[in-house]
């Protein structure tokens, strides 16, 4: 789960890019950090909602 209080997307991207063998210039790194910030905000809104214990995931997703 994302801890929005302590998550630092810039530090995360700076640490993970080399670990994954990615070479990101400053412009590309800034774009990835922007996307991580966006994903953290979206995920935070969903993950902060309580889920009742009786709720179970569907075995098959059918839209």
PDB file of N, CA and C in Angstrom:
ATOM      1  N   UNK A   1       0.842  -1.171   0.000  1.00  0.00           N
ATOM      2  CA  UNK A   1       0.000   0.000   0.000  1.00  0.00           C
ATOM      3  C   UNK A   1       0.892   1.240   0.000  1.00  0.00           C
ATOM      4  N   UNK A   2       0.427   2.301  -0.593  1.00  0.00           N
ATOM      5  CA  UNK A   2       1.197   3.538  -0.683  1.00  0.00           C
ATOM      6  C   UNK A   2       0.945   4.383   0.560  1.00  0.00           C
ATOM      7  N   UNK A   3       2.015   4.756   1.228  1.00  0.00           N
ATOM      8  CA  UNK A   3       1.938   5.668   2.360  1.00  0.00           C
ATOM      9  C   UNK A   3       2.119   7.071   1.786  1.00  0.00           C
ATOM     10  N   UNK A   4       1.020   7.754   1.524  1.00  0.00           N
ATOM     11  CA  UNK A   4       1.083   9.047   0.852  1.00  0.00           C
ATOM     12  C   UNK A   4       1.856  10.087   1.651  1.00  0.00           C
ATOM     13  N   UNK A   5       1.901   9.932   2.963  1.00  0.00           N
ATOM     14  CA  UNK A   5       2.617  10.891   3.803  1.00  0.00           C
ATOM     15  C   UNK A   5       4.128  10.799   3.568  1.00  0.00           C
ATOM     16  N   UNK A   6       4.642   9.585   3.347  1.00  0.00           N
ATOM     17  CA  UNK A   6       6.079   9.378   3.260  1.00  0.00           C
ATOM     18  C   UNK A   6       6.577   8.968   1.884  1.00  0.00           C
ATOM     19  N   UNK A   7       5.687   8.803   0.903  1.00  0.00           N
ATOM     20  CA  UNK A   7       6.103   8.379  -0.433  1.00  0.00           C
ATOM     21  C   UNK A   7       6.752   9.544  -1.163  1.00  0.00           C
ATOM     22  N   UNK A   8       7.972   9.344  -1.618  1.00  0.00           N
ATOM     23  CA  UNK A   8       8.714  10.359  -2.366  1.00  0.00           C
ATOM     24  C   UNK A   8       8.955   9.827  -3.774  1.00  0.00           C
ATOM     25  N   UNK A   9       8.078  10.188  -4.725  1.00  0.00           N
ATOM     26  CA  UNK A   9       8.201   9.659  -6.080  1.00  0.00           C
ATOM     27  C   UNK A   9       9.548   9.965  -6.728  1.00  0.00           C
ATOM     28  N   UNK A  10      10.084  11.130  -6.479  1.00  0.00           N
ATOM     29  CA  UNK A  10      11.360  11.503  -7.095  1.00  0.00           C
ATOM     30  C   UNK A  10      12.479  10.578  -6.604  1.00  0.00           C
ATOM     31  N   UNK A  11      12.521  10.333  -5.315  1.00  0.00           N
ATOM     32  CA  UNK A  11      13.536   9.431  -4.756  1.00  0.00           C
ATOM     33  C   UNK A  11      13.310   7.997  -5.239  1.00  0.00           C
ATOM     34  N   UNK A  12      12.042   7.609  -5.344  1.00  0.00           N
ATOM     35  CA  UNK A  12      11.714   6.257  -5.796  1.00  0.00           C
ATOM     36  C   UNK A  12      12.202   6.039  -7.232  1.00  0.00           C
ATOM     37  N   UNK A  13      11.913   6.974  -8.102  1.00  0.00           N
ATOM     38  CA  UNK A  13      12.326   6.853  -9.510  1.00  0.00           C
ATOM     39  C   UNK A  13      13.848   6.888  -9.613  1.00  0.00           C
ATOM     40  N   UNK A  14      14.484   7.769  -8.855  1.00  0.00           N
ATOM     41  CA  UNK A  14      15.949   7.866  -8.895  1.00  0.00           C
ATOM     42  C   UNK A  14      16.604   6.564  -8.441  1.00  0.00           C
ATOM     43  N   UNK A  15      16.000   5.882  -7.470  1.00  0.00           N
ATOM     44  CA  UNK A  15      16.568   4.633  -6.970  1.00  0.00           C
ATOM     45  C   UNK A  15      16.226   3.441  -7.859  1.00  0.00           C
ATOM     46  N   UNK A  16      15.020   3.405  -8.380  1.00  0.00           N
ATOM     47  CA  UNK A  16      14.562   2.227  -9.112  1.00  0.00           C
ATOM     48  C   UNK A  16      15.025   2.195 -10.572  1.00  0.00           C
ATOM     49  N   UNK A  17      15.173   3.332 -11.203  1.00  0.00           N
ATOM     50  CA  UNK A  17      15.576   3.341 -12.614  1.00  0.00           C
ATOM     51  C   UNK A  17      16.890   2.579 -12.832  1.00  0.00           C
ATOM     52  N   UNK A  18      17.948   2.888 -12.076  1.00  0.00           N
ATOM     53  CA  UNK A  18      19.191   2.122 -12.277  1.00  0.00           C
ATOM     54  C   UNK A  18      19.031   0.646 -11.906  1.00  0.00           C
ATOM     55  N   UNK A  19      18.236   0.372 -10.880  1.00  0.00           N
ATOM     56  CA  UNK A  19      18.034  -1.021 -10.464  1.00  0.00           C
ATOM     57  C   UNK A  19      17.353  -1.833 -11.565  1.00  0.00           C
ATOM     58  N   UNK A  20      16.552  -1.156 -12.382  1.00  0.00           N
ATOM     59  CA  UNK A  20      15.855  -1.817 -13.483  1.00  0.00           C
ATOM     60  C   UNK A  20      16.619  -1.712 -14.805  1.00  0.00           C
ATOM     61  N   UNK A  21      17.782  -1.088 -14.750  1.00  0.00           N
ATOM     62  CA  UNK A  21      18.590  -0.943 -15.954  1.00  0.00           C
ATOM     63  C   UNK A  21      18.097   0.158 -16.877  1.00  0.00           C
ATOM     64  N   UNK A  22      17.368   1.126 -16.336  1.00  0.00           N
ATOM     65  CA  UNK A  22      16.852   2.222 -17.150  1.00  0.00           C
ATOM     66  C   UNK A  22      17.763   3.440 -17.037  1.00  0.00           C
ATOM     67  N   UNK A  23      18.003   4.077 -18.162  1.00  0.00           N
ATOM     68  CA  UNK A  23      18.761   5.327 -18.172  1.00  0.00           C
ATOM     69  C   UNK A  23      17.789   6.438 -18.537  1.00  0.00           C
ATOM     70  N   UNK A  24      17.427   7.235 -17.539  1.00  0.00           N
ATOM     71  CA  UNK A  24      16.459   8.303 -17.758  1.00  0.00           C
ATOM     72  C   UNK A  24      17.154   9.653 -17.668  1.00  0.00           C
ATOM     73  N   UNK A  25      17.016  10.460 -18.741  1.00  0.00           N
ATOM     74  CA  UNK A  25      17.540  11.814 -18.649  1.00  0.00           C
ATOM     75  C   UNK A  25      16.611  12.627 -17.740  1.00  0.00           C
ATOM     76  N   UNK A  26      17.004  13.844 -17.414  1.00  0.00           N
ATOM     77  CA  UNK A  26      16.253  14.659 -16.453  1.00  0.00           C
ATOM     78  C   UNK A  26      14.811  14.889 -16.893  1.00  0.00           C
ATOM     79  N   UNK A  27      14.606  15.120 -18.183  1.00  0.00           N
ATOM     80  CA  UNK A  27      13.251  15.374 -18.689  1.00  0.00           C
ATOM     81  C   UNK A  27      12.373  14.127 -18.558  1.00  0.00           C
ATOM     82  N   UNK A  28      12.895  12.992 -18.945  1.00  0.00           N
ATOM     83  CA  UNK A  28      12.145  11.740 -18.857  1.00  0.00           C
ATOM     84  C   UNK A  28      11.868  11.383 -17.400  1.00  0.00           C
ATOM     85  N   UNK A  29      12.866  11.589 -16.542  1.00  0.00           N
ATOM     86  CA  UNK A  29      12.691  11.290 -15.122  1.00  0.00           C
ATOM     87  C   UNK A  29      11.589  12.170 -14.527  1.00  0.00           C
ATOM     88  N   UNK A  30      11.533  13.438 -14.912  1.00  0.00           N
ATOM     89  CA  UNK A  30      10.489  14.344 -14.421  1.00  0.00           C
ATOM     90  C   UNK A  30       9.109  13.865 -14.865  1.00  0.00           C
ATOM     91  N   UNK A  31       9.009  13.351 -16.080  1.00  0.00           N
ATOM     92  CA  UNK A  31       7.722  12.840 -16.575  1.00  0.00           C
ATOM     93  C   UNK A  31       7.284  11.600 -15.804  1.00  0.00           C
ATOM     94  N   UNK A  32       8.234  10.715 -15.489  1.00  0.00           N
ATOM     95  CA  UNK A  32       7.911   9.505 -14.728  1.00  0.00           C
ATOM     96  C   UNK A  32       7.483   9.886 -13.311  1.00  0.00           C
ATOM     97  N   UNK A  33       8.174  10.845 -12.706  1.00  0.00           N
ATOM     98  CA  UNK A  33       7.815  11.313 -11.355  1.00  0.00           C
ATOM     99  C   UNK A  33       6.407  11.895 -11.368  1.00  0.00           C
ATOM    100  N   UNK A  34       6.070  12.668 -12.395  1.00  0.00           N
ATOM    101  CA  UNK A  34       4.720  13.231 -12.511  1.00  0.00           C
ATOM    102  C   UNK A  34       3.677  12.117 -12.535  1.00  0.00           C
ATOM    103  N   UNK A  35       3.939  11.063 -13.320  1.00  0.00           N
ATOM    104  CA  UNK A  35       2.993   9.945 -13.412  1.00  0.00           C
ATOM    105  C   UNK A  35       2.875   9.206 -12.083  1.00  0.00           C
ATOM    106  N   UNK A  36       3.981   9.037 -11.364  1.00  0.00           N
ATOM    107  CA  UNK A  36       3.929   8.395 -10.050  1.00  0.00           C
ATOM    108  C   UNK A  36       3.096   9.224  -9.076  1.00  0.00           C
ATOM    109  N   UNK A  37       3.259  10.538  -9.109  1.00  0.00           N
ATOM    110  CA  UNK A  37       2.437  11.412  -8.256  1.00  0.00           C
ATOM    111  C   UNK A  37       0.964  11.233  -8.572  1.00  0.00           C
ATOM    112  N   UNK A  38       0.633  11.194  -9.843  1.00  0.00           N
ATOM    113  CA  UNK A  38      -0.751  11.022 -10.275  1.00  0.00           C
ATOM    114  C   UNK A  38      -1.300   9.670  -9.819  1.00  0.00           C
ATOM    115  N   UNK A  39      -0.529   8.606 -10.033  1.00  0.00           N
ATOM    116  CA  UNK A  39      -0.975   7.270  -9.618  1.00  0.00           C
ATOM    117  C   UNK A  39      -1.151   7.184  -8.106  1.00  0.00           C
ATOM    118  N   UNK A  40      -0.264   7.814  -7.357  1.00  0.00           N
ATOM    119  CA  UNK A  40      -0.363   7.783  -5.888  1.00  0.00           C
ATOM    120  C   UNK A  40      -1.630   8.485  -5.422  1.00  0.00           C
ATOM    121  N   UNK A  41      -1.984   9.606  -6.063  1.00  0.00           N
ATOM    122  CA  UNK A  41      -3.222  10.319  -5.695  1.00  0.00           C
ATOM    123  C   UNK A  41      -4.446   9.478  -6.015  1.00  0.00           C
ATOM    124  N   UNK A  42      -4.469   8.865  -7.183  1.00  0.00           N
ATOM    125  CA  UNK A  42      -5.616   8.045  -7.586  1.00  0.00           C
ATOM    126  C   UNK A  42      -5.724   6.817  -6.693  1.00  0.00           C
ATOM    127  N   UNK A  43      -4.616   6.134  -6.474  1.00  0.00           N
ATOM    128  CA  UNK A  43      -4.624   4.933  -5.634  1.00  0.00           C
ATOM    129  C   UNK A  43      -4.992   5.281  -4.200  1.00  0.00           C
ATOM    130  N   UNK A  44      -4.511   6.399  -3.706  1.00  0.00           N
ATOM    131  CA  UNK A  44      -4.807   6.806  -2.337  1.00  0.00           C
ATOM    132  C   UNK A  44      -6.295   6.979  -2.108  1.00  0.00           C
ATOM    133  N   UNK A  45      -6.985   7.537  -3.090  1.00  0.00           N
ATOM    134  CA  UNK A  45      -8.432   7.735  -2.961  1.00  0.00           C
ATOM    135  C   UNK A  45      -9.158   6.402  -2.845  1.00  0.00           C
ATOM    136  N   UNK A  46      -8.679   5.397  -3.538  1.00  0.00           N
ATOM    137  CA  UNK A  46      -9.305   4.074  -3.508  1.00  0.00           C
ATOM    138  C   UNK A  46      -8.876   3.298  -2.269  1.00  0.00           C
ATOM    139  N   UNK A  47      -7.592   3.315  -1.967  1.00  0.00           N
ATOM    140  CA  UNK A  47      -7.068   2.511  -0.865  1.00  0.00           C
ATOM    141  C   UNK A  47      -7.477   3.027   0.512  1.00  0.00           C
ATOM    142  N   UNK A  48      -7.902   4.278   0.599  1.00  0.00           N
ATOM    143  CA  UNK A  48      -8.317   4.823   1.887  1.00  0.00           C
ATOM    144  C   UNK A  48      -9.766   4.494   2.235  1.00  0.00           C
ATOM    145  N   UNK A  49     -10.472   3.857   1.336  1.00  0.00           N
ATOM    146  CA  UNK A  49     -11.851   3.458   1.600  1.00  0.00           C
ATOM    147  C   UNK A  49     -11.852   2.126   2.343  1.00  0.00           C
ATOM    148  N   UNK A  50     -12.585   2.040   3.447  1.00  0.00           N
ATOM    149  CA  UNK A  50     -12.638   0.759   4.158  1.00  0.00           C
ATOM    150  C   UNK A  50     -13.430  -0.276   3.358  1.00  0.00           C
ATOM    151  N   UNK A  51     -12.967  -1.513   3.427  1.00  0.00           N
ATOM    152  CA  UNK A  51     -13.641  -2.612   2.752  1.00  0.00           C
ATOM    153  C   UNK A  51     -14.179  -3.543   3.839  1.00  0.00           C
ATOM    154  N   UNK A  52     -15.492  -3.775   3.842  1.00  0.00           N
ATOM    155  CA  UNK A  52     -16.052  -4.672   4.853  1.00  0.00           C
ATOM    156  C   UNK A  52     -15.438  -6.073   4.752  1.00  0.00           C
ATOM    157  N   UNK A  53     -15.346  -6.753   5.885  1.00  0.00           N
ATOM    158  CA  UNK A  53     -14.704  -8.067   5.920  1.00  0.00           C
ATOM    159  C   UNK A  53     -15.450  -9.115   5.096  1.00  0.00           C
ATOM    160  N   UNK A  54     -16.752  -8.944   4.919  1.00  0.00           N
ATOM    161  CA  UNK A  54     -17.519  -9.961   4.186  1.00  0.00           C
ATOM    162  C   UNK A  54     -17.384  -9.833   2.666  1.00  0.00           C
ATOM    163  N   UNK A  55     -16.753  -8.774   2.191  1.00  0.00           N
ATOM    164  CA  UNK A  55     -16.601  -8.557   0.753  1.00  0.00           C
ATOM    165  C   UNK A  55     -15.461  -9.438   0.230  1.00  0.00           C
ATOM    166  N   UNK A  56     -15.732 -10.154  -0.840  1.00  0.00           N
ATOM    167  CA  UNK A  56     -14.720 -11.002  -1.454  1.00  0.00           C
ATOM    168  C   UNK A  56     -14.584 -10.619  -2.929  1.00  0.00           C
ATOM    169  N   UNK A  57     -13.387 -10.766  -3.486  1.00  0.00           N
ATOM    170  CA  UNK A  57     -13.206 -10.439  -4.905  1.00  0.00           C
ATOM    171  C   UNK A  57     -13.937 -11.440  -5.784  1.00  0.00           C
ATOM    172  N   UNK A  58     -14.393 -10.973  -6.916  1.00  0.00           N
ATOM    173  CA  UNK A  58     -15.049 -11.852  -7.859  1.00  0.00           C
ATOM    174  C   UNK A  58     -14.025 -12.806  -8.457  1.00  0.00           C
ATOM    175  N   UNK A  59     -14.376 -14.087  -8.661  1.00  0.00           N
ATOM    176  CA  UNK A  59     -13.409 -15.014  -9.239  1.00  0.00           C
ATOM    177  C   UNK A  59     -13.094 -14.719 -10.701  1.00  0.00           C
ATOM    178  N   UNK A  60     -14.054 -14.123 -11.409  1.00  0.00           N
ATOM    179  CA  UNK A  60     -13.855 -13.773 -12.806  1.00  0.00           C
ATOM    180  C   UNK A  60     -14.476 -12.391 -13.029  1.00  0.00           C
ATOM    181  N   UNK A  61     -13.723 -11.507 -13.692  1.00  0.00           N
ATOM    182  CA  UNK A  61     -14.244 -10.171 -13.984  1.00  0.00           C
ATOM    183  C   UNK A  61     -15.001 -10.216 -15.293  1.00  0.00           C
ATOM    184  N   UNK A  62     -16.267  -9.819 -15.234  1.00  0.00           N
ATOM    185  CA  UNK A  62     -17.083  -9.717 -16.455  1.00  0.00           C
ATOM    186  C   UNK A  62     -17.707  -8.329 -16.481  1.00  0.00           C
ATOM    187  N   UNK A  63     -17.239  -7.478 -17.383  1.00  0.00           N
ATOM    188  CA  UNK A  63     -17.786  -6.113 -17.438  1.00  0.00           C
ATOM    189  C   UNK A  63     -19.220  -6.086 -17.910  1.00  0.00           C
TER     190      UNK A  63
END
